[in-house]
Amino acid sequence: MKSTSDRDYFRVAFAAGERVTILCAIPDGAYDADLYLLDSSGSTLARSVNDGAGTDESLTFTRTATGSSTYYLELDAYQGSGSSPYTCTLTKGRVAAHAGPAAFLRSGTLARATEGCP
């Protein structure tokens, strides 16, 4: 993250019944980042705002609407900045209809985004 006003966005699509977990690994002591999941109109659906430079951010979201839709992940530098790269991993799984919310039919890491500033 180059500055406290730096914001990185990633576009993702989720289908009905998908549960997603996003983990962003922030380098130790580099900066304090915050992670947001936004709907297509920019409204915040979920967030992770752990305190402290180098603290990882993560969130989980289950899509209950029908069909599929586009969402956005936003990672911003809440406090501090630096050239140390972060890595975000998104894992999707489908929630089984007959089981509790933690039961998955399939699961796997679908995307990994790494950002570094020169």
PDB file of N, CA and C in Angstrom:
ATOM      1  N   MET A   1       0.849  -1.154   0.000  1.00  0.00           N
ATOM      2  CA  MET A   1       0.000   0.000   0.000  1.00  0.00           C
ATOM      3  C   MET A   1       0.905   1.231   0.000  1.00  0.00           C
ATOM      4  N   LYS A   2       0.742   2.059  -0.977  1.00  0.00           N
ATOM      5  CA  LYS A   2       1.622   3.202  -1.161  1.00  0.00           C
ATOM      6  C   LYS A   2       1.350   4.340  -0.185  1.00  0.00           C
ATOM      7  N   SER A   3       0.122   4.495   0.253  1.00  0.00           N
ATOM      8  CA  SER A   3      -0.221   5.570   1.179  1.00  0.00           C
ATOM      9  C   SER A   3      -1.504   5.206   1.917  1.00  0.00           C
ATOM     10  N   THR A   4      -1.861   6.040   2.902  1.00  0.00           N
ATOM     11  CA  THR A   4      -3.085   5.769   3.657  1.00  0.00           C
ATOM     12  C   THR A   4      -4.325   5.985   2.809  1.00  0.00           C
ATOM     13  N   SER A   5      -4.183   6.610   1.640  1.00  0.00           N
ATOM     14  CA  SER A   5      -5.330   6.779   0.748  1.00  0.00           C
ATOM     15  C   SER A   5      -5.369   5.710  -0.347  1.00  0.00           C
ATOM     16  N   ASP A   6      -4.425   4.776  -0.317  1.00  0.00           N
ATOM     17  CA  ASP A   6      -4.373   3.716  -1.327  1.00  0.00           C
ATOM     18  C   ASP A   6      -5.469   2.689  -1.065  1.00  0.00           C
ATOM     19  N   ARG A   7      -6.215   2.346  -2.121  1.00  0.00           N
ATOM     20  CA  ARG A   7      -7.274   1.338  -2.046  1.00  0.00           C
ATOM     21  C   ARG A   7      -7.138   0.417  -3.251  1.00  0.00           C
ATOM     22  N   ASP A   8      -7.105  -0.872  -3.000  1.00  0.00           N
ATOM     23  CA  ASP A   8      -7.041  -1.862  -4.074  1.00  0.00           C
ATOM     24  C   ASP A   8      -8.379  -2.587  -4.137  1.00  0.00           C
ATOM     25  N   TYR A   9      -8.878  -2.797  -5.369  1.00  0.00           N
ATOM     26  CA  TYR A   9     -10.164  -3.458  -5.588  1.00  0.00           C
ATOM     27  C   TYR A   9      -9.976  -4.702  -6.438  1.00  0.00           C
ATOM     28  N   PHE A  10     -10.733  -5.742  -6.118  1.00  0.00           N
ATOM     29  CA  PHE A  10     -10.741  -6.986  -6.880  1.00  0.00           C
ATOM     30  C   PHE A  10     -12.194  -7.349  -7.150  1.00  0.00           C
ATOM     31  N   ARG A  11     -12.527  -7.621  -8.393  1.00  0.00           N
ATOM     32  CA  ARG A  11     -13.893  -8.008  -8.762  1.00  0.00           C
ATOM     33  C   ARG A  11     -14.020  -9.521  -8.664  1.00  0.00           C
ATOM     34  N   VAL A  12     -15.106  -9.990  -8.045  1.00  0.00           N
ATOM     35  CA  VAL A  12     -15.368 -11.419  -7.878  1.00  0.00           C
ATOM     36  C   VAL A  12     -16.854 -11.684  -8.132  1.00  0.00           C
ATOM     37  N   ALA A  13     -17.191 -12.902  -8.514  1.00  0.00           N
ATOM     38  CA  ALA A  13     -18.585 -13.286  -8.737  1.00  0.00           C
ATOM     39  C   ALA A  13     -18.924 -14.448  -7.809  1.00  0.00           C
ATOM     40  N   PHE A  14     -20.107 -14.389  -7.190  1.00  0.00           N
ATOM     41  CA  PHE A  14     -20.586 -15.436  -6.306  1.00  0.00           C
ATOM     42  C   PHE A  14     -21.947 -15.907  -6.785  1.00  0.00           C
ATOM     43  N   ALA A  15     -22.181 -17.198  -6.678  1.00  0.00           N
ATOM     44  CA  ALA A  15     -23.468 -17.794  -7.028  1.00  0.00           C
ATOM     45  C   ALA A  15     -24.296 -17.991  -5.764  1.00  0.00           C
ATOM     46  N   ALA A  16     -25.562 -18.289  -5.962  1.00  0.00           N
ATOM     47  CA  ALA A  16     -26.465 -18.554  -4.836  1.00  0.00           C
ATOM     48  C   ALA A  16     -25.932 -19.708  -3.998  1.00  0.00           C
ATOM     49  N   GLY A  17     -25.962 -19.561  -2.695  1.00  0.00           N
ATOM     50  CA  GLY A  17     -25.539 -20.619  -1.790  1.00  0.00           C
ATOM     51  C   GLY A  17     -24.046 -20.747  -1.600  1.00  0.00           C
ATOM     52  N   GLU A  18     -23.253 -19.899  -2.212  1.00  0.00           N
ATOM     53  CA  GLU A  18     -21.804 -19.988  -2.026  1.00  0.00           C
ATOM     54  C   GLU A  18     -21.387 -19.269  -0.752  1.00  0.00           C
ATOM     55  N   ARG A  19     -20.480 -19.897  -0.069  1.00  0.00           N
ATOM     56  CA  ARG A  19     -19.866 -19.296   1.112  1.00  0.00           C
ATOM     57  C   ARG A  19     -18.419 -19.010   0.753  1.00  0.00           C
ATOM     58  N   VAL A  20     -17.989 -17.773   0.964  1.00  0.00           N
ATOM     59  CA  VAL A  20     -16.629 -17.384   0.614  1.00  0.00           C
ATOM     60  C   VAL A  20     -15.889 -16.915   1.861  1.00  0.00           C
ATOM     61  N   THR A  21     -14.621 -17.236   1.887  1.00  0.00           N
ATOM     62  CA  THR A  21     -13.729 -16.760   2.934  1.00  0.00           C
ATOM     63  C   THR A  21     -12.567 -16.062   2.255  1.00  0.00           C
ATOM     64  N   ILE A  22     -12.265 -14.867   2.705  1.00  0.00           N
ATOM     65  CA  ILE A  22     -11.157 -14.100   2.162  1.00  0.00           C
ATOM     66  C   ILE A  22     -10.170 -13.865   3.286  1.00  0.00           C
ATOM     67  N   LEU A  23      -8.908 -14.175   3.027  1.00  0.00           N
ATOM     68  CA  LEU A  23      -7.834 -13.947   3.986  1.00  0.00           C
ATOM     69  C   LEU A  23      -6.776 -13.103   3.300  1.00  0.00           C
ATOM     70  N   CYS A  24      -6.451 -11.971   3.877  1.00  0.00           N
ATOM     71  CA  CYS A  24      -5.389 -11.115   3.362  1.00  0.00           C
ATOM     72  C   CYS A  24      -4.255 -11.109   4.381  1.00  0.00           C
ATOM     73  N   ALA A  25      -3.110 -11.629   3.950  1.00  0.00           N
ATOM     74  CA  ALA A  25      -1.920 -11.676   4.797  1.00  0.00           C
ATOM     75  C   ALA A  25      -1.146 -10.372   4.611  1.00  0.00           C
ATOM     76  N   ILE A  26      -1.024  -9.613   5.691  1.00  0.00           N
ATOM     77  CA  ILE A  26      -0.353  -8.321   5.687  1.00  0.00           C
ATOM     78  C   ILE A  26       1.045  -8.522   6.278  1.00  0.00           C
ATOM     79  N   PRO A  27       2.081  -8.006   5.611  1.00  0.00           N
ATOM     80  CA  PRO A  27       3.448  -8.196   6.126  1.00  0.00           C
ATOM     81  C   PRO A  27       3.603  -7.622   7.537  1.00  0.00           C
ATOM     82  N   ASP A  28       4.372  -8.301   8.367  1.00  0.00           N
ATOM     83  CA  ASP A  28       4.594  -7.876   9.751  1.00  0.00           C
ATOM     84  C   ASP A  28       5.090  -6.440   9.827  1.00  0.00           C
ATOM     85  N   GLY A  29       4.358  -5.629  10.579  1.00  0.00           N
ATOM     86  CA  GLY A  29       4.771  -4.261  10.850  1.00  0.00           C
ATOM     87  C   GLY A  29       4.700  -3.300   9.680  1.00  0.00           C
ATOM     88  N   ALA A  30       4.210  -3.745   8.522  1.00  0.00           N
ATOM     89  CA  ALA A  30       4.243  -2.913   7.322  1.00  0.00           C
ATOM     90  C   ALA A  30       3.223  -1.784   7.372  1.00  0.00           C
ATOM     91  N   TYR A  31       1.955  -2.114   7.603  1.00  0.00           N
ATOM     92  CA  TYR A  31       0.881  -1.136   7.639  1.00  0.00           C
ATOM     93  C   TYR A  31      -0.360  -1.797   8.210  1.00  0.00           C
ATOM     94  N   ASP A  32      -1.313  -0.988   8.606  1.00  0.00           N
ATOM     95  CA  ASP A  32      -2.588  -1.470   9.127  1.00  0.00           C
ATOM     96  C   ASP A  32      -3.597  -1.397   7.984  1.00  0.00           C
ATOM     97  N   ALA A  33      -4.004  -2.538   7.465  1.00  0.00           N
ATOM     98  CA  ALA A  33      -4.951  -2.599   6.347  1.00  0.00           C
ATOM     99  C   ALA A  33      -6.338  -2.979   6.857  1.00  0.00           C
ATOM    100  N   ASP A  34      -7.356  -2.631   6.084  1.00  0.00           N
ATOM    101  CA  ASP A  34      -8.728  -3.040   6.361  1.00  0.00           C
ATOM    102  C   ASP A  34      -9.308  -3.671   5.103  1.00  0.00           C
ATOM    103  N   LEU A  35     -10.154  -4.690   5.283  1.00  0.00           N
ATOM    104  CA  LEU A  35     -10.734  -5.453   4.180  1.00  0.00           C
ATOM    105  C   LEU A  35     -12.248  -5.301   4.187  1.00  0.00           C
ATOM    106  N   TYR A  36     -12.831  -5.036   3.001  1.00  0.00           N
ATOM    107  CA  TYR A  36     -14.276  -4.872   2.859  1.00  0.00           C
ATOM    108  C   TYR A  36     -14.784  -5.718   1.700  1.00  0.00           C
ATOM    109  N   LEU A  37     -15.982  -6.272   1.850  1.00  0.00           N
ATOM    110  CA  LEU A  37     -16.702  -6.907   0.759  1.00  0.00           C
ATOM    111  C   LEU A  37     -17.856  -5.984   0.398  1.00  0.00           C
ATOM    112  N   LEU A  38     -17.894  -5.539  -0.870  1.00  0.00           N
ATOM    113  CA  LEU A  38     -18.894  -4.581  -1.332  1.00  0.00           C
ATOM    114  C   LEU A  38     -19.812  -5.227  -2.353  1.00  0.00           C
ATOM    115  N   ASP A  39     -21.086  -4.822  -2.359  1.00  0.00           N
ATOM    116  CA  ASP A  39     -21.982  -5.292  -3.415  1.00  0.00           C
ATOM    117  C   ASP A  39     -21.752  -4.440  -4.664  1.00  0.00           C
ATOM    118  N   SER A  40     -22.495  -4.711  -5.724  1.00  0.00           N
ATOM    119  CA  SER A  40     -22.257  -4.036  -6.999  1.00  0.00           C
ATOM    120  C   SER A  40     -22.546  -2.538  -6.950  1.00  0.00           C
ATOM    121  N   SER A  41     -23.273  -2.083  -5.937  1.00  0.00           N
ATOM    122  CA  SER A  41     -23.535  -0.646  -5.806  1.00  0.00           C
ATOM    123  C   SER A  41     -22.565   0.037  -4.846  1.00  0.00           C
ATOM    124  N   GLY A  42     -21.631  -0.742  -4.277  1.00  0.00           N
ATOM    125  CA  GLY A  42     -20.623  -0.170  -3.389  1.00  0.00           C
ATOM    126  C   GLY A  42     -20.967  -0.197  -1.916  1.00  0.00           C
ATOM    127  N   SER A  43     -22.087  -0.808  -1.545  1.00  0.00           N
ATOM    128  CA  SER A  43     -22.457  -0.923  -0.131  1.00  0.00           C
ATOM    129  C   SER A  43     -21.650  -2.027   0.542  1.00  0.00           C
ATOM    130  N   THR A  44     -21.240  -1.802   1.774  1.00  0.00           N
ATOM    131  CA  THR A  44     -20.449  -2.774   2.526  1.00  0.00           C
ATOM    132  C   THR A  44     -21.340  -3.901   3.035  1.00  0.00           C
ATOM    133  N   LEU A  45     -20.972  -5.153   2.694  1.00  0.00           N
ATOM    134  CA  LEU A  45     -21.703  -6.339   3.155  1.00  0.00           C
ATOM    135  C   LEU A  45     -21.004  -7.007   4.333  1.00  0.00           C
ATOM    136  N   ALA A  46     -19.684  -6.937   4.343  1.00  0.00           N
ATOM    137  CA  ALA A  46     -18.885  -7.537   5.417  1.00  0.00           C
ATOM    138  C   ALA A  46     -17.564  -6.781   5.476  1.00  0.00           C
ATOM    139  N   ARG A  47     -16.937  -6.804   6.652  1.00  0.00           N
ATOM    140  CA  ARG A  47     -15.659  -6.109   6.783  1.00  0.00           C
ATOM    141  C   ARG A  47     -14.788  -6.753   7.844  1.00  0.00           C
ATOM    142  N   SER A  48     -13.499  -6.494   7.735  1.00  0.00           N
ATOM    143  CA  SER A  48     -12.520  -6.920   8.719  1.00  0.00           C
ATOM    144  C   SER A  48     -11.619  -5.721   8.979  1.00  0.00           C
ATOM    145  N   VAL A  49     -11.646  -5.221  10.205  1.00  0.00           N
ATOM    146  CA  VAL A  49     -10.879  -4.028  10.546  1.00  0.00           C
ATOM    147  C   VAL A  49     -10.052  -4.288  11.813  1.00  0.00           C
ATOM    148  N   ASN A  50      -9.229  -5.330  11.758  1.00  0.00           N
ATOM    149  CA  ASN A  50      -8.363  -5.654  12.886  1.00  0.00           C
ATOM    150  C   ASN A  50      -7.329  -4.548  13.085  1.00  0.00           C
ATOM    151  N   ASP A  51      -7.017  -4.253  14.335  1.00  0.00           N
ATOM    152  CA  ASP A  51      -6.079  -3.175  14.644  1.00  0.00           C
ATOM    153  C   ASP A  51      -4.639  -3.654  14.599  1.00  0.00           C
ATOM    154  N   GLY A  52      -3.763  -2.757  14.143  1.00  0.00           N
ATOM    155  CA  GLY A  52      -2.335  -2.992  14.237  1.00  0.00           C
ATOM    156  C   GLY A  52      -1.653  -3.258  12.914  1.00  0.00           C
ATOM    157  N   ALA A  53      -0.495  -2.669  12.761  1.00  0.00           N
ATOM    158  CA  ALA A  53       0.308  -2.877  11.555  1.00  0.00           C
ATOM    159  C   ALA A  53       0.723  -4.336  11.463  1.00  0.00           C
ATOM    160  N   GLY A  54       0.554  -4.907  10.280  1.00  0.00           N
ATOM    161  CA  GLY A  54       0.942  -6.295  10.051  1.00  0.00           C
ATOM    162  C   GLY A  54      -0.080  -7.317  10.504  1.00  0.00           C
ATOM    163  N   THR A  55      -1.258  -6.871  10.933  1.00  0.00           N
ATOM    164  CA  THR A  55      -2.315  -7.792  11.365  1.00  0.00           C
ATOM    165  C   THR A  55      -3.118  -8.248  10.152  1.00  0.00           C
ATOM    166  N   ASP A  56      -3.237  -9.564   9.964  1.00  0.00           N
ATOM    167  CA  ASP A  56      -3.988 -10.106   8.838  1.00  0.00           C
ATOM    168  C   ASP A  56      -5.464  -9.744   8.953  1.00  0.00           C
ATOM    169  N   GLU A  57      -6.129  -9.663   7.800  1.00  0.00           N
ATOM    170  CA  GLU A  57      -7.556  -9.366   7.748  1.00  0.00           C
ATOM    171  C   GLU A  57      -8.274 -10.542   7.083  1.00  0.00           C
ATOM    172  N   SER A  58      -9.446 -10.910   7.604  1.00  0.00           N
ATOM    173  CA  SER A  58     -10.217 -12.002   7.001  1.00  0.00           C
ATOM    174  C   SER A  58     -11.700 -11.776   7.232  1.00  0.00           C
ATOM    175  N   LEU A  59     -12.513 -12.322   6.322  1.00  0.00           N
ATOM    176  CA  LEU A  59     -13.954 -12.265   6.483  1.00  0.00           C
ATOM    177  C   LEU A  59     -14.582 -13.448   5.782  1.00  0.00           C
ATOM    178  N   THR A  60     -15.809 -13.768   6.188  1.00  0.00           N
ATOM    179  CA  THR A  60     -16.592 -14.850   5.594  1.00  0.00           C
ATOM    180  C   THR A  60     -17.972 -14.296   5.254  1.00  0.00           C
ATOM    181  N   PHE A  61     -18.473 -14.718   4.087  1.00  0.00           N
ATOM    182  CA  PHE A  61     -19.770 -14.238   3.606  1.00  0.00           C
ATOM    183  C   PHE A  61     -20.484 -15.386   2.911  1.00  0.00           C
ATOM    184  N   THR A  62     -21.773 -15.568   3.196  1.00  0.00           N
ATOM    185  CA  THR A  62     -22.590 -16.564   2.509  1.00  0.00           C
ATOM    186  C   THR A  62     -23.632 -15.835   1.675  1.00  0.00           C
ATOM    187  N   ARG A  63     -23.661 -16.127   0.377  1.00  0.00           N
ATOM    188  CA  ARG A  63     -24.616 -15.480  -0.531  1.00  0.00           C
ATOM    189  C   ARG A  63     -25.933 -16.252  -0.476  1.00  0.00           C
ATOM    190  N   THR A  64     -26.994 -15.593  -0.028  1.00  0.00           N
ATOM    191  CA  THR A  64     -28.294 -16.243   0.106  1.00  0.00           C
ATOM    192  C   THR A  64     -29.244 -15.900  -1.036  1.00  0.00           C
ATOM    193  N   ALA A  65     -28.945 -14.867  -1.815  1.00  0.00           N
ATOM    194  CA  ALA A  65     -29.817 -14.482  -2.935  1.00  0.00           C
ATOM    195  C   ALA A  65     -29.723 -15.517  -4.058  1.00  0.00           C
ATOM    196  N   THR A  66     -30.733 -15.544  -4.929  1.00  0.00           N
ATOM    197  CA  THR A  66     -30.723 -16.465  -6.061  1.00  0.00           C
ATOM    198  C   THR A  66     -29.841 -15.913  -7.181  1.00  0.00           C
ATOM    199  N   GLY A  67     -29.461 -16.786  -8.104  1.00  0.00           N
ATOM    200  CA  GLY A  67     -28.632 -16.379  -9.238  1.00  0.00           C
ATOM    201  C   GLY A  67     -27.213 -16.082  -8.814  1.00  0.00           C
ATOM    202  N   SER A  68     -26.496 -15.359  -9.654  1.00  0.00           N
ATOM    203  CA  SER A  68     -25.138 -14.968  -9.318  1.00  0.00           C
ATOM    204  C   SER A  68     -25.021 -13.459  -9.459  1.00  0.00           C
ATOM    205  N   SER A  69     -23.985 -12.910  -8.851  1.00  0.00           N
ATOM    206  CA  SER A  69     -23.806 -11.467  -8.889  1.00  0.00           C
ATOM    207  C   SER A  69     -22.329 -11.128  -8.718  1.00  0.00           C
ATOM    208  N   THR A  70     -21.996  -9.912  -9.096  1.00  0.00           N
ATOM    209  CA  THR A  70     -20.628  -9.418  -8.981  1.00  0.00           C
ATOM    210  C   THR A  70     -20.468  -8.657  -7.672  1.00  0.00           C
ATOM    211  N   TYR A  71     -19.353  -8.886  -7.022  1.00  0.00           N
ATOM    212  CA  TYR A  71     -19.002  -8.217  -5.776  1.00  0.00           C
ATOM    213  C   TYR A  71     -17.588  -7.672  -5.915  1.00  0.00           C
ATOM    214  N   TYR A  72     -17.192  -6.855  -4.955  1.00  0.00           N
ATOM    215  CA  TYR A  72     -15.855  -6.265  -4.981  1.00  0.00           C
ATOM    216  C   TYR A  72     -15.210  -6.409  -3.613  1.00  0.00           C
ATOM    217  N   LEU A  73     -13.933  -6.773  -3.621  1.00  0.00           N
ATOM    218  CA  LEU A  73     -13.127  -6.775  -2.411  1.00  0.00           C
ATOM    219  C   LEU A  73     -12.337  -5.479  -2.414  1.00  0.00           C
ATOM    220  N   GLU A  74     -12.324  -4.809  -1.307  1.00  0.00           N
ATOM    221  CA  GLU A  74     -11.538  -3.585  -1.167  1.00  0.00           C
ATOM    222  C   GLU A  74     -10.565  -3.772  -0.018  1.00  0.00           C
ATOM    223  N   LEU A  75      -9.302  -3.526  -0.280  1.00  0.00           N
ATOM    224  CA  LEU A  75      -8.288  -3.537   0.769  1.00  0.00           C
ATOM    225  C   LEU A  75      -7.676  -2.154   0.790  1.00  0.00           C
ATOM    226  N   ASP A  76      -7.713  -1.516   1.956  1.00  0.00           N
ATOM    227  CA  ASP A  76      -7.129  -0.183   2.028  1.00  0.00           C
ATOM    228  C   ASP A  76      -6.161  -0.083   3.191  1.00  0.00           C
ATOM    229  N   ALA A  77      -5.255   0.868   3.069  1.00  0.00           N
ATOM    230  CA  ALA A  77      -4.275   1.140   4.119  1.00  0.00           C
ATOM    231  C   ALA A  77      -4.910   2.113   5.101  1.00  0.00           C
ATOM    232  N   TYR A  78      -5.381   1.582   6.215  1.00  0.00           N
ATOM    233  CA  TYR A  78      -6.016   2.423   7.224  1.00  0.00           C
ATOM    234  C   TYR A  78      -4.987   3.353   7.856  1.00  0.00           C
ATOM    235  N   GLN A  79      -3.844   2.775   8.174  1.00  0.00           N
ATOM    236  CA  GLN A  79      -2.794   3.568   8.813  1.00  0.00           C
ATOM    237  C   GLN A  79      -1.443   3.063   8.336  1.00  0.00           C
ATOM    238  N   GLY A  80      -0.601   3.976   7.913  1.00  0.00           N
ATOM    239  CA  GLY A  80       0.737   3.616   7.463  1.00  0.00           C
ATOM    240  C   GLY A  80       0.748   3.266   5.988  1.00  0.00           C
ATOM    241  N   SER A  81       1.913   2.976   5.495  1.00  0.00           N
ATOM    242  CA  SER A  81       2.082   2.605   4.097  1.00  0.00           C
ATOM    243  C   SER A  81       3.415   1.885   3.960  1.00  0.00           C
ATOM    244  N   GLY A  82       3.674   1.378   2.769  1.00  0.00           N
ATOM    245  CA  GLY A  82       4.942   0.697   2.537  1.00  0.00           C
ATOM    246  C   GLY A  82       4.921  -0.052   1.233  1.00  0.00           C
ATOM    247  N   SER A  83       6.075  -0.549   0.859  1.00  0.00           N
ATOM    248  CA  SER A  83       6.191  -1.263  -0.404  1.00  0.00           C
ATOM    249  C   SER A  83       6.096  -2.778  -0.221  1.00  0.00           C
ATOM    250  N   SER A  84       5.893  -3.238   1.006  1.00  0.00           N
ATOM    251  CA  SER A  84       5.791  -4.673   1.259  1.00  0.00           C
ATOM    252  C   SER A  84       4.510  -5.224   0.647  1.00  0.00           C
ATOM    253  N   PRO A  85       4.605  -6.304  -0.131  1.00  0.00           N
ATOM    254  CA  PRO A  85       3.409  -6.863  -0.778  1.00  0.00           C
ATOM    255  C   PRO A  85       2.522  -7.614   0.219  1.00  0.00           C
ATOM    256  N   TYR A  86       1.240  -7.610  -0.055  1.00  0.00           N
ATOM    257  CA  TYR A  86       0.295  -8.421   0.704  1.00  0.00           C
ATOM    258  C   TYR A  86      -0.220  -9.513  -0.221  1.00  0.00           C
ATOM    259  N   THR A  87      -0.816 -10.546   0.353  1.00  0.00           N
ATOM    260  CA  THR A  87      -1.415 -11.628  -0.424  1.00  0.00           C
ATOM    261  C   THR A  87      -2.817 -11.879   0.093  1.00  0.00           C
ATOM    262  N   CYS A  88      -3.799 -11.895  -0.829  1.00  0.00           N
ATOM    263  CA  CYS A  88      -5.181 -12.215  -0.466  1.00  0.00           C
ATOM    264  C   CYS A  88      -5.570 -13.533  -1.122  1.00  0.00           C
ATOM    265  N   THR A  89      -6.197 -14.398  -0.364  1.00  0.00           N
ATOM    266  CA  THR A  89      -6.667 -15.686  -0.864  1.00  0.00           C
ATOM    267  C   THR A  89      -8.177 -15.769  -0.663  1.00  0.00           C
ATOM    268  N   LEU A  90      -8.890 -16.121  -1.718  1.00  0.00           N
ATOM    269  CA  LEU A  90     -10.341 -16.270  -1.670  1.00  0.00           C
ATOM    270  C   LEU A  90     -10.667 -17.753  -1.828  1.00  0.00           C
ATOM    271  N   THR A  91     -11.433 -18.291  -0.893  1.00  0.00           N
ATOM    272  CA  THR A  91     -11.837 -19.693  -0.937  1.00  0.00           C
ATOM    273  C   THR A  91     -13.361 -19.742  -1.006  1.00  0.00           C
ATOM    274  N   LYS A  92     -13.887 -20.497  -1.988  1.00  0.00           N
ATOM    275  CA  LYS A  92     -15.335 -20.644  -2.147  1.00  0.00           C
ATOM    276  C   LYS A  92     -15.768 -22.053  -1.818  1.00  0.00           C
ATOM    277  N   GLY A  93     -16.983 -22.193  -1.316  1.00  0.00           N
ATOM    278  CA  GLY A  93     -17.593 -23.493  -1.080  1.00  0.00           C
ATOM    279  C   GLY A  93     -19.100 -23.345  -1.139  1.00  0.00           C
ATOM    280  N   ARG A  94     -19.785 -24.385  -1.524  1.00  0.00           N
ATOM    281  CA  ARG A  94     -21.248 -24.328  -1.596  1.00  0.00           C
ATOM    282  C   ARG A  94     -21.807 -24.905  -0.296  1.00  0.00           C
ATOM    283  N   VAL A  95     -22.719 -24.175   0.301  1.00  0.00           N
ATOM    284  CA  VAL A  95     -23.348 -24.612   1.543  1.00  0.00           C
ATOM    285  C   VAL A  95     -24.397 -25.661   1.207  1.00  0.00           C
ATOM    286  N   ALA A  96     -24.369 -26.786   1.895  1.00  0.00           N
ATOM    287  CA  ALA A  96     -25.351 -27.840   1.680  1.00  0.00           C
ATOM    288  C   ALA A  96     -26.709 -27.388   2.203  1.00  0.00           C
ATOM    289  N   ALA A  97     -27.760 -27.562   1.417  1.00  0.00           N
ATOM    290  CA  ALA A  97     -29.093 -27.083   1.775  1.00  0.00           C
ATOM    291  C   ALA A  97     -29.675 -27.816   2.982  1.00  0.00           C
ATOM    292  N   HIS A  98     -29.351 -29.086   3.157  1.00  0.00           N
ATOM    293  CA  HIS A  98     -29.961 -29.879   4.229  1.00  0.00           C
ATOM    294  C   HIS A  98     -29.141 -29.886   5.518  1.00  0.00           C
ATOM    295  N   ALA A  99     -27.968 -29.297   5.477  1.00  0.00           N
ATOM    296  CA  ALA A  99     -27.097 -29.326   6.654  1.00  0.00           C
ATOM    297  C   ALA A  99     -26.991 -27.922   7.247  1.00  0.00           C
ATOM    298  N   GLY A 100     -26.224 -27.810   8.316  1.00  0.00           N
ATOM    299  CA  GLY A 100     -26.008 -26.514   8.946  1.00  0.00           C
ATOM    300  C   GLY A 100     -25.176 -25.602   8.058  1.00  0.00           C
ATOM    301  N   PRO A 101     -25.060 -24.340   8.416  1.00  0.00           N
ATOM    302  CA  PRO A 101     -24.368 -23.372   7.580  1.00  0.00           C
ATOM    303  C   PRO A 101     -22.884 -23.656   7.405  1.00  0.00           C
ATOM    304  N   ALA A 102     -22.297 -24.522   8.210  1.00  0.00           N
ATOM    305  CA  ALA A 102     -20.872 -24.805   8.076  1.00  0.00           C
ATOM    306  C   ALA A 102     -20.597 -26.012   7.173  1.00  0.00           C
ATOM    307  N   ALA A 103     -21.612 -26.662   6.648  1.00  0.00           N
ATOM    308  CA  ALA A 103     -21.409 -27.854   5.820  1.00  0.00           C
ATOM    309  C   ALA A 103     -21.209 -27.461   4.356  1.00  0.00           C
ATOM    310  N   PHE A 104     -20.183 -27.999   3.742  1.00  0.00           N
ATOM    311  CA  PHE A 104     -19.855 -27.672   2.359  1.00  0.00           C
ATOM    312  C   PHE A 104     -19.980 -28.881   1.450  1.00  0.00           C
ATOM    313  N   LEU A 105     -20.448 -28.654   0.234  1.00  0.00           N
ATOM    314  CA  LEU A 105     -20.464 -29.702  -0.779  1.00  0.00           C
ATOM    315  C   LEU A 105     -19.124 -29.763  -1.502  1.00  0.00           C
ATOM    316  N   ARG A 106     -18.505 -28.626  -1.686  1.00  0.00           N
ATOM    317  CA  ARG A 106     -17.185 -28.569  -2.302  1.00  0.00           C
ATOM    318  C   ARG A 106     -16.479 -27.344  -1.749  1.00  0.00           C
ATOM    319  N   SER A 107     -15.193 -27.331  -1.868  1.00  0.00           N
ATOM    320  CA  SER A 107     -14.422 -26.213  -1.368  1.00  0.00           C
ATOM    321  C   SER A 107     -13.102 -26.177  -2.094  1.00  0.00           C
ATOM    322  N   GLY A 108     -12.541 -25.022  -2.236  1.00  0.00           N
ATOM    323  CA  GLY A 108     -11.231 -24.915  -2.851  1.00  0.00           C
ATOM    324  C   GLY A 108     -10.814 -23.473  -3.019  1.00  0.00           C
ATOM    325  N   THR A 109      -9.535 -23.259  -3.058  1.00  0.00           N
ATOM    326  CA  THR A 109      -9.013 -21.923  -3.270  1.00  0.00           C
ATOM    327  C   THR A 109      -9.129 -21.595  -4.741  1.00  0.00           C
ATOM    328  N   LEU A 110      -9.838 -20.526  -5.060  1.00  0.00           N
ATOM    329  CA  LEU A 110     -10.092 -20.168  -6.447  1.00  0.00           C
ATOM    330  C   LEU A 110      -9.224 -19.017  -6.928  1.00  0.00           C
ATOM    331  N   ALA A 111      -8.823 -18.172  -6.064  1.00  0.00           N
ATOM    332  CA  ALA A 111      -8.078 -16.994  -6.520  1.00  0.00           C
ATOM    333  C   ALA A 111      -7.064 -16.585  -5.472  1.00  0.00           C
ATOM    334  N   ARG A 112      -5.961 -16.107  -5.955  1.00  0.00           N
ATOM    335  CA  ARG A 112      -4.946 -15.553  -5.079  1.00  0.00           C
ATOM    336  C   ARG A 112      -4.446 -14.286  -5.744  1.00  0.00           C
ATOM    337  N   ALA A 113      -4.516 -13.193  -5.034  1.00  0.00           N
ATOM    338  CA  ALA A 113      -4.057 -11.914  -5.576  1.00  0.00           C
ATOM    339  C   ALA A 113      -2.920 -11.411  -4.702  1.00  0.00           C
ATOM    340  N   THR A 114      -1.834 -11.044  -5.314  1.00  0.00           N
ATOM    341  CA  THR A 114      -0.696 -10.495  -4.593  1.00  0.00           C
ATOM    342  C   THR A 114      -0.415  -9.118  -5.152  1.00  0.00           C
ATOM    343  N   GLU A 115      -0.233  -8.155  -4.271  1.00  0.00           N
ATOM    344  CA  GLU A 115       0.011  -6.788  -4.698  1.00  0.00           C
ATOM    345  C   GLU A 115       1.269  -6.304  -4.061  1.00  0.00           C
ATOM    346  N   GLY A 116       2.116  -5.705  -4.836  1.00  0.00           N
ATOM    347  CA  GLY A 116       3.331  -5.085  -4.309  1.00  0.00           C
ATOM    348  C   GLY A 116       3.554  -3.758  -4.978  1.00  0.00           C
ATOM    349  N   CYS A 117       4.032  -2.812  -4.251  1.00  0.00           N
ATOM    350  CA  CYS A 117       4.276  -1.487  -4.815  1.00  0.00           C
ATOM    351  C   CYS A 117       5.773  -1.316  -5.040  1.00  0.00           C
ATOM    352  N   PRO A 118       6.162  -0.856  -6.232  1.00  0.00           N
ATOM    353  CA  PRO A 118       7.599  -0.675  -6.494  1.00  0.00           C
ATOM    354  C   PRO A 118       8.199   0.413  -5.643  1.00  0.00           C
TER     355      PRO A 118
END
